[in-house]
């Protein structure tokens, strides 16, 4: 698999995640209802810039105590972050029916920062919000939790499901305050250009409406602008 360079990833960070979603429609690789997280996954720090990176995956549980063998799974997961040939993003599935214990807090965010990972997307919960924020770490999660309970890792390096999105190790993820989207690797190097195209395609409508006084929009003009937008999106 060809990974994007740090420069290419940084270019993708200049676009918000809805624009990336729009751009991906151009390639017609999946349904418009697939490839992104549901509203259950929320940005804990909505002021953060978008994050872009390659998924390092694991499954956790906190309902019952873990075993000594499961401690080694954690270290295999850490190794996968170190082995990631590009910018890593942690993608963690909490397999409990309802999240009861947080894998994420000051200790894990500090460890992950030292490993080179600065963001997580999880259907579980997070805590130590002030400490994680000060570290520059970005949380996308379903909730906040007060306890770590019996948190332990059960699997790593496997497909996971977070907010309805299936993520495999090495998948490219783009996420911001709106949620997360999976960028298919086969078109990843074309997405930034497609984002610019989608932005430019909207200009006929945006500029036309902005130049119109409140309450005086002519619907005939709007039809023309929307037709122009549709044509520009096809190119």
Protein backbone atom coordinates (compact mmCIF):
# COMPACT_ATOMS: atom_id res chain seq x y z
CA UNK A 1 0.00 0.00 0.00
CA UNK A 2 1.22 3.50 -0.84
CA UNK A 3 1.04 5.84 2.15
CA UNK A 4 0.61 9.56 1.75
CA UNK A 5 3.54 11.76 2.67
CA UNK A 6 3.38 14.07 5.68
CA UNK A 7 2.99 16.96 3.24
CA UNK A 8 0.00 15.30 1.57
CA UNK A 9 -1.59 14.57 4.95
CA UNK A 10 -1.06 18.18 6.00
CA UNK A 11 -2.73 19.31 2.78
CA UNK A 12 -5.79 17.22 3.64
CA UNK A 13 -5.90 18.82 7.09
CA UNK A 14 -6.70 22.14 5.43
CA UNK A 15 -10.17 20.85 4.51
CA UNK A 16 -13.01 20.11 6.90
CA UNK A 17 -14.42 16.59 7.02
CA UNK A 18 -17.74 17.45 5.29
CA UNK A 19 -15.74 18.76 2.31
CA UNK A 20 -13.80 15.49 2.26
CA UNK A 21 -17.11 13.59 2.27
CA UNK A 22 -18.31 15.66 -0.68
CA UNK A 23 -15.05 15.08 -2.53
CA UNK A 24 -15.21 11.31 -2.05
CA UNK A 25 -18.59 11.17 -3.80
CA UNK A 26 -16.76 12.09 -7.01
CA UNK A 27 -15.04 8.69 -7.10
CA UNK A 28 -18.27 6.66 -6.74
CA UNK A 29 -16.58 3.95 -4.66
CA UNK A 30 -19.43 3.49 -2.19
CA UNK A 31 -22.95 4.58 -1.31
CA UNK A 32 -23.41 8.15 -0.09
CA UNK A 33 -24.75 6.67 3.16
CA UNK A 34 -21.54 4.77 3.97
CA UNK A 35 -17.98 5.49 5.01
CA UNK A 36 -18.45 7.87 7.94
CA UNK A 37 -19.32 7.78 11.62
CA UNK A 38 -22.81 8.21 13.01
CA UNK A 39 -23.74 11.06 15.39
CA UNK A 40 -22.80 8.85 18.35
CA UNK A 41 -19.16 9.85 17.76
CA UNK A 42 -18.59 13.43 18.87
CA UNK A 43 -15.58 15.71 18.96
CA UNK A 44 -14.76 16.37 22.60
CA UNK A 45 -12.68 19.39 21.57
CA UNK A 46 -14.54 20.97 18.63
CA UNK A 47 -11.99 23.78 18.38
CA UNK A 48 -9.26 21.40 17.18
CA UNK A 49 -8.06 21.39 13.58
CA UNK A 50 -8.93 18.29 11.53
CA UNK A 51 -6.80 15.20 12.11
CA UNK A 52 -5.67 12.85 9.34
CA UNK A 53 -3.82 9.57 9.74
CA UNK A 54 -3.70 5.83 9.43
CA UNK A 55 -5.69 3.59 11.76
CA UNK A 56 -4.12 1.46 14.46
CA UNK A 57 -6.99 -0.61 15.79
CA UNK A 58 -7.96 -2.42 18.99
CA UNK A 59 -10.95 -3.61 21.02
CA UNK A 60 -11.34 -2.91 24.73
CA UNK A 61 -13.66 -3.94 27.54
CA UNK A 62 -14.08 -2.69 31.11
CA UNK A 63 -16.91 -4.79 32.52
CA UNK A 64 -14.71 -7.55 33.98
CA UNK A 65 -11.02 -7.82 34.91
CA UNK A 66 -8.53 -8.65 32.19
CA UNK A 67 -5.90 -11.39 32.25
CA UNK A 68 -2.11 -11.35 32.25
CA UNK A 69 -2.14 -12.52 28.62
CA UNK A 70 -4.30 -9.55 27.68
CA UNK A 71 -1.63 -7.22 29.04
CA UNK A 72 0.59 -8.40 26.18
CA UNK A 73 -2.13 -7.46 23.68
CA UNK A 74 -1.73 -3.88 24.87
CA UNK A 75 1.98 -3.95 24.05
CA UNK A 76 1.32 -5.42 20.62
CA UNK A 77 -1.06 -2.52 20.05
CA UNK A 78 1.61 -0.03 21.16
CA UNK A 79 4.06 -1.68 18.77
CA UNK A 80 1.61 -1.25 15.90
CA UNK A 81 1.63 2.50 16.51
CA UNK A 82 5.42 2.56 16.47
CA UNK A 83 5.44 0.46 13.30
CA UNK A 84 2.97 2.71 11.45
CA UNK A 85 4.93 4.08 8.45
CA UNK A 86 2.98 7.34 8.52
CA UNK A 87 0.93 9.43 10.98
CA UNK A 88 -1.07 7.03 13.23
CA UNK A 89 -4.58 7.50 14.58
CA UNK A 90 -5.91 5.20 17.28
CA UNK A 91 -9.29 3.65 16.47
CA UNK A 92 -10.68 1.77 19.47
CA UNK A 93 -13.90 -0.22 19.70
CA UNK A 94 -15.41 -0.56 23.16
CA UNK A 95 -17.16 -3.94 23.02
CA UNK A 96 -19.17 -3.52 26.23
CA UNK A 97 -22.90 -3.13 25.73
CA UNK A 98 -22.63 0.29 27.34
CA UNK A 99 -19.28 1.98 28.06
CA UNK A 100 -18.48 1.70 31.76
CA UNK A 101 -14.72 2.31 31.93
CA UNK A 102 -12.45 4.62 29.98
CA UNK A 103 -9.28 3.40 28.27
CA UNK A 104 -8.40 7.06 27.73
CA UNK A 105 -7.05 9.47 30.32
CA UNK A 106 -3.89 11.37 31.18
CA UNK A 107 -1.70 8.25 31.24
CA UNK A 108 -2.80 6.84 27.89
CA UNK A 109 -2.75 10.20 26.12
CA UNK A 110 0.77 10.81 27.43
CA UNK A 111 1.88 7.34 26.31
CA UNK A 112 0.31 7.81 22.89
CA UNK A 113 1.92 11.21 22.43
CA UNK A 114 5.31 9.61 23.18
CA UNK A 115 4.51 6.92 20.58
CA UNK A 116 3.68 9.59 17.96
CA UNK A 117 -0.13 9.31 18.05
CA UNK A 118 -2.18 12.43 18.79
CA UNK A 119 -5.82 11.39 18.25
CA UNK A 120 -8.33 8.64 18.93
CA UNK A 121 -11.70 7.75 17.43
CA UNK A 122 -13.66 5.50 19.78
CA UNK A 123 -17.22 4.44 20.48
CA UNK A 124 -16.21 4.23 24.13
CA UNK A 125 -15.68 6.99 26.67
CA UNK A 126 -12.82 9.31 27.60
CA UNK A 127 -11.74 11.18 30.72
CA UNK A 128 -9.06 13.57 32.06
CA UNK A 129 -10.32 16.08 29.54
CA UNK A 130 -8.22 19.03 30.72
CA UNK A 131 -5.01 17.03 30.76
CA UNK A 132 -5.58 15.56 27.30
CA UNK A 133 -6.42 19.00 25.91
CA UNK A 134 -3.24 20.50 27.30
CA UNK A 135 -1.24 17.71 25.65
CA UNK A 136 -2.77 18.62 22.29
CA UNK A 137 -4.43 15.21 22.08
CA UNK A 138 -7.73 15.00 20.18
CA UNK A 139 -10.65 12.89 21.41
CA UNK A 140 -13.53 11.66 19.24
CA UNK A 141 -15.77 9.59 21.49
CA UNK A 142 -19.32 8.65 22.41
CA UNK A 143 -19.21 9.95 25.98
CA UNK A 144 -17.14 11.01 28.95
CA UNK A 145 -16.57 8.60 31.83
CA UNK A 146 -15.36 9.06 35.38
CA UNK A 147 -13.78 5.61 35.97
CA UNK A 148 -11.46 3.25 34.15
CA UNK A 149 -13.31 0.33 35.80
CA UNK A 150 -11.67 -2.96 34.67
CA UNK A 151 -10.47 -1.58 31.35
CA UNK A 152 -8.27 -3.90 29.33
CA UNK A 153 -7.51 -4.64 25.71
CA UNK A 154 -8.99 -7.78 24.16
CA UNK A 155 -7.82 -7.61 20.54
CA UNK A 156 -5.54 -5.51 18.36
CA UNK A 157 -4.80 -5.31 14.65
CA UNK A 158 -8.33 -6.40 13.69
CA UNK A 159 -11.23 -4.65 11.97
CA UNK A 160 -13.26 -2.57 14.41
CA UNK A 161 -16.61 -0.79 14.31
CA UNK A 162 -16.98 2.71 15.74
CA UNK A 163 -20.20 4.61 15.25
CA UNK A 164 -21.28 2.36 12.41
CA UNK A 165 -17.98 2.76 10.54
CA UNK A 166 -15.90 -0.36 9.88
CA UNK A 167 -12.20 0.49 10.13
CA UNK A 168 -9.31 -1.84 9.29
CA UNK A 169 -5.68 -1.42 10.27
CA UNK A 170 -4.02 0.99 7.85
CA UNK A 171 -7.24 2.71 6.77
CA UNK A 172 -6.87 6.45 6.23
CA UNK A 173 -9.10 8.50 8.56
CA UNK A 174 -10.03 12.19 8.36
CA UNK A 175 -11.89 13.62 11.36
CA UNK A 176 -12.98 16.97 12.77
CA UNK A 177 -15.79 18.46 14.87
CA UNK A 178 -18.37 16.95 12.49
CA UNK A 179 -17.19 13.32 12.81
CA UNK A 180 -14.86 10.96 10.98
CA UNK A 181 -14.71 9.66 7.42
CA UNK A 182 -12.70 6.84 5.87
CA UNK A 183 -10.70 7.81 2.78
CA UNK A 184 -10.16 4.80 0.48
CA UNK A 185 -6.42 4.35 -0.01
CA UNK A 186 -6.77 3.86 -3.76
CA UNK A 187 -7.88 7.48 -4.24
CA UNK A 188 -6.18 9.11 -1.25
CA UNK A 189 -3.67 11.05 -3.35
CA UNK A 190 -6.50 12.57 -5.41
CA UNK A 191 -8.75 13.72 -2.58
CA UNK A 192 -7.16 17.10 -1.89
CA UNK A 193 -7.65 18.15 -5.52
CA UNK A 194 -11.23 16.87 -5.39
CA UNK A 195 -11.82 18.93 -2.22
CA UNK A 196 -10.71 22.08 -4.01
CA UNK A 197 -13.01 21.19 -6.90
CA UNK A 198 -15.98 20.77 -4.54
CA UNK A 199 -15.25 24.10 -2.87
CA UNK A 200 -14.99 25.91 -6.20
CA UNK A 201 -18.18 24.25 -7.45
CA UNK A 202 -20.16 25.87 -4.63
CA UNK A 203 -19.06 29.40 -5.52
CA UNK A 204 -21.82 30.18 -8.06
CA UNK A 205 -24.47 29.60 -5.37
CA UNK A 206 -22.53 31.13 -2.49
CA UNK A 207 -21.37 34.23 -4.34
CA UNK A 208 -24.73 34.76 -6.00
CA UNK A 209 -26.62 34.58 -2.72
CA UNK A 210 -24.08 36.71 -0.86
CA UNK A 211 -24.44 39.44 -3.48
CA UNK A 212 -28.23 39.46 -3.09
CA UNK A 213 -29.95 41.68 -0.56
CA UNK A 214 -31.96 39.92 2.16
CA UNK A 215 -35.32 38.75 0.87
CA UNK A 216 -34.66 39.63 -2.78
CA UNK A 217 -33.24 36.36 -4.09
CA UNK A 218 -34.57 35.53 -7.54
CA UNK A 219 -35.34 31.82 -7.76
CA UNK A 220 -34.65 31.84 -11.50
CA UNK A 221 -31.11 32.96 -10.71
CA UNK A 222 -30.83 30.32 -8.02
CA UNK A 223 -31.77 27.62 -10.53
CA UNK A 224 -28.96 28.81 -12.79
CA UNK A 225 -26.41 28.91 -9.98
CA UNK A 226 -27.35 25.45 -8.75
CA UNK A 227 -27.08 24.07 -12.29
CA UNK A 228 -23.61 25.61 -12.56
CA UNK A 229 -22.66 24.02 -9.25
CA UNK A 230 -23.83 20.60 -10.41
CA UNK A 231 -21.83 20.85 -13.62
CA UNK A 232 -18.68 21.96 -11.83
CA UNK A 233 -18.97 19.02 -9.44
CA UNK A 234 -19.00 16.59 -12.37
CA UNK A 235 -15.77 17.78 -13.96
